[in-house]
Amino acid sequence: MSTTRFTAENTALLLIDHQVGTMKLIKNMPLEEVQKKTLALAKMAKILQIPVILTSSQEYAAQGPLLPELAEVLPDAFEKRIKREGIVNCWEHKAFRDAVLATGKKNLIMAGVTTDVCLVFPAISAVEEGFHVQAVMDASGSPFNLSEDLSQKRMADAGVVLTATNTLMAELAQDWSRPEGGALLGILFTEVLPSMA
């Protein structure tokens, strides 16, 4: 299991197939929560200047386009998104893998719209190639609790570190008193954590 510390400087963010059609498959947790956490990750990456790779599968089909909010938060990454024609494991798609390698980062944060299909395979593939991977479980979901649980176990057994958005943001913030830390804290309290009111 990875013990390498994740920092803004040594990490890339990979958001896999957060498409408006595929999002509707998520049933193990509230869909709006997955969407909020995904956008919080995107905003975190923007604040910390972490490279982001977006990918989608068959946007013209039932899966639909990527969340339009991603284009607002990360216009450059959205424009350069890797469009796949059906390869399930995005790690096996040459353009996607090449884009990840081009970041030069060995620590990868991954979230996939469905844990049991979009996330489990590339997370394990990246670990097998020597990358350190944290999978963000509340920015991913599954149609069934069983497939979610089995996919989480399979990833953990393979050496993927399972995490949640607030834990990951705290790890990367390092110090809330820094300007970046303060900005992340704002996202946490307005978009990630339950209201304190």
Protein backbone atom coordinates (compact mmCIF):
# COMPACT_ATOMS: atom_id res chain seq x y z
CA MET A 1 0.00 0.00 0.00
CA SER A 2 1.20 3.51 -0.81
CA THR A 3 2.74 5.55 1.99
CA THR A 4 3.83 8.38 -0.27
CA ARG A 5 2.51 11.72 0.92
CA PHE A 6 0.24 13.42 -1.57
CA THR A 7 0.96 17.11 -2.13
CA ALA A 8 -0.21 19.66 -4.69
CA GLU A 9 3.22 19.44 -6.30
CA ASN A 10 3.41 15.68 -6.84
CA THR A 11 -0.20 14.85 -7.69
CA ALA A 12 -2.57 14.79 -10.67
CA LEU A 13 -6.37 14.53 -10.63
CA LEU A 14 -8.17 12.15 -12.99
CA LEU A 15 -11.96 12.51 -13.33
CA ILE A 16 -13.41 9.61 -15.26
CA ASP A 17 -16.72 9.65 -17.14
CA HIS A 18 -18.72 12.09 -15.01
CA GLN A 19 -21.34 12.31 -17.75
CA VAL A 20 -24.92 13.47 -17.30
CA GLY A 21 -26.41 10.17 -18.50
CA THR A 22 -24.08 7.80 -16.67
CA MET A 23 -24.48 9.78 -13.43
CA LYS A 24 -28.06 8.51 -13.25
CA LEU A 25 -26.78 4.97 -12.68
CA ILE A 26 -25.58 5.89 -9.18
CA LYS A 27 -27.98 4.50 -6.58
CA ASN A 28 -25.82 3.73 -3.53
CA MET A 29 -25.63 7.39 -2.48
CA PRO A 30 -27.44 10.62 -3.37
CA LEU A 31 -26.61 11.64 -6.93
CA GLU A 32 -26.39 15.34 -6.04
CA GLU A 33 -23.76 14.53 -3.39
CA VAL A 34 -21.56 12.74 -5.93
CA GLN A 35 -21.90 15.71 -8.28
CA LYS A 36 -21.05 18.21 -5.52
CA LYS A 37 -17.98 16.23 -4.47
CA THR A 38 -16.80 15.90 -8.07
CA LEU A 39 -17.03 19.64 -8.62
CA ALA A 40 -15.33 20.26 -5.27
CA LEU A 41 -12.40 18.14 -6.46
CA ALA A 42 -12.23 20.16 -9.66
CA LYS A 43 -12.22 23.43 -7.70
CA MET A 44 -9.57 22.05 -5.35
CA ALA A 45 -7.35 21.22 -8.31
CA LYS A 46 -7.82 24.71 -9.73
CA ILE A 47 -6.88 26.36 -6.43
CA LEU A 48 -3.81 24.16 -5.95
CA GLN A 49 -2.85 24.19 -9.65
CA ILE A 50 -2.95 20.41 -9.81
CA PRO A 51 -3.01 19.04 -13.38
CA VAL A 52 -6.36 17.52 -14.31
CA ILE A 53 -7.19 14.90 -16.94
CA LEU A 54 -10.85 14.50 -17.86
CA THR A 55 -12.14 11.62 -19.93
CA SER A 56 -15.51 10.55 -21.30
CA SER A 57 -16.94 7.57 -23.12
CA GLN A 58 -19.29 7.84 -26.09
CA GLU A 59 -20.68 11.30 -25.28
CA TYR A 60 -23.06 11.00 -28.25
CA ALA A 61 -24.79 7.93 -26.76
CA ALA A 62 -26.82 7.35 -23.59
CA GLN A 63 -23.85 8.33 -21.45
CA GLY A 64 -24.25 11.94 -22.58
CA PRO A 65 -21.79 14.84 -22.25
CA LEU A 66 -19.57 15.55 -19.27
CA LEU A 67 -21.11 17.65 -16.50
CA PRO A 68 -21.30 21.19 -17.93
CA GLU A 69 -20.11 22.61 -14.60
CA LEU A 70 -16.73 20.97 -15.22
CA ALA A 71 -16.34 23.20 -18.28
CA GLU A 72 -16.96 26.24 -16.09
CA VAL A 73 -14.45 25.24 -13.41
CA LEU A 74 -11.77 23.68 -15.65
CA PRO A 75 -12.26 25.05 -19.19
CA ASP A 76 -8.81 24.02 -20.43
CA ALA A 77 -9.02 20.45 -19.11
CA PHE A 78 -12.57 20.21 -20.44
CA GLU A 79 -11.49 21.32 -23.91
CA LYS A 80 -8.62 18.78 -23.86
CA ARG A 81 -10.73 15.94 -22.43
CA ILE A 82 -9.97 12.48 -23.74
CA LYS A 83 -12.98 11.16 -25.66
CA ARG A 84 -13.03 7.37 -25.73
CA GLU A 85 -15.04 5.33 -28.17
CA GLY A 86 -15.91 2.51 -25.81
CA ILE A 87 -12.76 1.23 -24.10
CA VAL A 88 -13.98 0.45 -20.57
CA ASN A 89 -10.65 0.72 -18.73
CA CYS A 90 -9.53 4.25 -19.60
CA TRP A 91 -5.96 3.32 -18.57
CA GLU A 92 -5.86 1.07 -21.65
CA HIS A 93 -6.75 4.02 -23.90
CA LYS A 94 -3.44 5.30 -25.29
CA ALA A 95 -4.36 8.98 -25.38
CA PHE A 96 -5.56 8.92 -21.78
CA ARG A 97 -2.54 7.05 -20.44
CA ASP A 98 -0.19 9.29 -22.45
CA ALA A 99 -1.88 12.39 -20.99
CA VAL A 100 -1.40 11.04 -17.46
CA LEU A 101 2.25 10.20 -18.13
CA ALA A 102 2.80 13.69 -19.57
CA THR A 103 1.93 15.25 -16.20
CA GLY A 104 5.05 13.66 -14.74
CA LYS A 105 3.16 12.91 -11.50
CA LYS A 106 3.39 9.57 -9.72
CA ASN A 107 0.55 10.30 -7.28
CA LEU A 108 -2.89 10.07 -8.81
CA ILE A 109 -6.24 11.09 -7.37
CA MET A 110 -9.01 9.25 -9.20
CA ALA A 111 -12.79 9.48 -9.18
CA GLY A 112 -14.99 7.63 -11.64
CA VAL A 113 -18.67 8.18 -12.13
CA THR A 114 -19.30 4.52 -11.41
CA THR A 115 -16.96 2.83 -8.95
CA ASP A 116 -17.80 -0.63 -10.23
CA VAL A 117 -16.98 0.04 -13.90
CA CYS A 118 -15.32 3.40 -14.53
CA LEU A 119 -13.01 3.56 -11.51
CA VAL A 120 -12.03 0.09 -10.37
CA PHE A 121 -10.11 -0.95 -13.49
CA PRO A 122 -7.92 2.13 -14.13
CA ALA A 123 -7.20 2.54 -10.42
CA ILE A 124 -5.84 -1.00 -10.20
CA SER A 125 -4.02 -0.71 -13.55
CA ALA A 126 -2.22 2.45 -12.42
CA VAL A 127 -1.11 0.82 -9.15
CA GLU A 128 0.19 -2.16 -11.11
CA GLU A 129 2.35 0.28 -13.10
CA GLY A 130 3.85 1.75 -9.94
CA PHE A 131 1.64 4.78 -9.41
CA HIS A 132 0.25 5.73 -6.01
CA VAL A 133 -3.52 6.02 -6.28
CA GLN A 134 -6.15 7.50 -4.00
CA ALA A 135 -9.71 6.77 -5.08
CA VAL A 136 -12.29 9.30 -3.92
CA MET A 137 -15.29 7.25 -2.96
CA ASP A 138 -17.84 10.03 -2.47
CA ALA A 139 -17.16 11.39 -5.96
CA SER A 140 -17.93 7.93 -7.36
CA GLY A 141 -20.87 5.57 -6.95
CA SER A 142 -22.51 2.38 -8.18
CA PRO A 143 -25.95 1.08 -9.21
CA PHE A 144 -25.85 -1.53 -6.41
CA ASN A 145 -24.40 -1.64 -2.90
CA LEU A 146 -22.98 -5.08 -3.64
CA SER A 147 -21.01 -3.99 -6.71
CA GLU A 148 -19.80 -0.89 -4.81
CA ASP A 149 -18.60 -2.96 -1.86
CA LEU A 150 -16.90 -5.56 -4.02
CA SER A 151 -15.16 -2.91 -6.14
CA GLN A 152 -13.92 -1.07 -3.06
CA LYS A 153 -12.53 -4.31 -1.64
CA ARG A 154 -10.90 -5.22 -4.94
CA MET A 155 -9.19 -1.81 -5.15
CA ALA A 156 -8.06 -1.86 -1.53
CA ASP A 157 -6.67 -5.39 -1.94
CA ALA A 158 -4.69 -4.16 -4.98
CA GLY A 159 -3.14 -1.28 -3.04
CA VAL A 160 -5.44 1.59 -3.96
CA VAL A 161 -6.00 3.96 -1.02
CA LEU A 162 -9.70 4.69 -0.55
CA THR A 163 -10.53 8.20 0.64
CA ALA A 164 -13.25 10.85 0.82
CA THR A 165 -13.27 14.40 -0.51
CA ASN A 166 -12.91 16.15 2.85
CA THR A 167 -10.04 13.89 3.94
CA LEU A 168 -8.22 14.39 0.65
CA MET A 169 -8.67 18.16 0.71
CA ALA A 170 -7.31 18.35 4.25
CA GLU A 171 -4.30 16.23 3.24
CA LEU A 172 -3.48 18.49 0.29
CA ALA A 173 -4.22 21.74 2.15
CA GLN A 174 -1.52 20.90 4.74
CA ASP A 175 -2.16 24.21 6.54
CA TRP A 176 -5.54 25.99 6.64
CA SER A 177 -3.81 29.31 7.36
CA ARG A 178 -2.15 29.39 3.95
CA PRO A 179 -4.09 31.33 1.26
CA GLU A 180 -4.72 28.05 -0.60
CA GLY A 181 -5.77 26.38 2.64
CA GLY A 182 -8.26 29.13 3.35
CA ALA A 183 -9.73 28.81 -0.15
CA LEU A 184 -10.07 25.05 0.29
CA LEU A 185 -11.68 25.54 3.67
CA GLY A 186 -14.27 27.73 1.98
CA ILE A 187 -15.14 24.92 -0.44
CA LEU A 188 -15.30 22.41 2.41
CA PHE A 189 -17.78 24.41 4.44
CA THR A 190 -19.96 25.55 1.54
CA GLU A 191 -19.96 22.49 -0.73
CA VAL A 192 -18.57 19.38 0.94
CA LEU A 193 -19.49 19.24 4.61
CA PRO A 194 -23.04 19.25 6.02
CA SER A 195 -24.35 22.69 6.94
CA MET A 196 -23.47 23.77 10.47
CA ALA A 197 -26.64 25.92 10.67
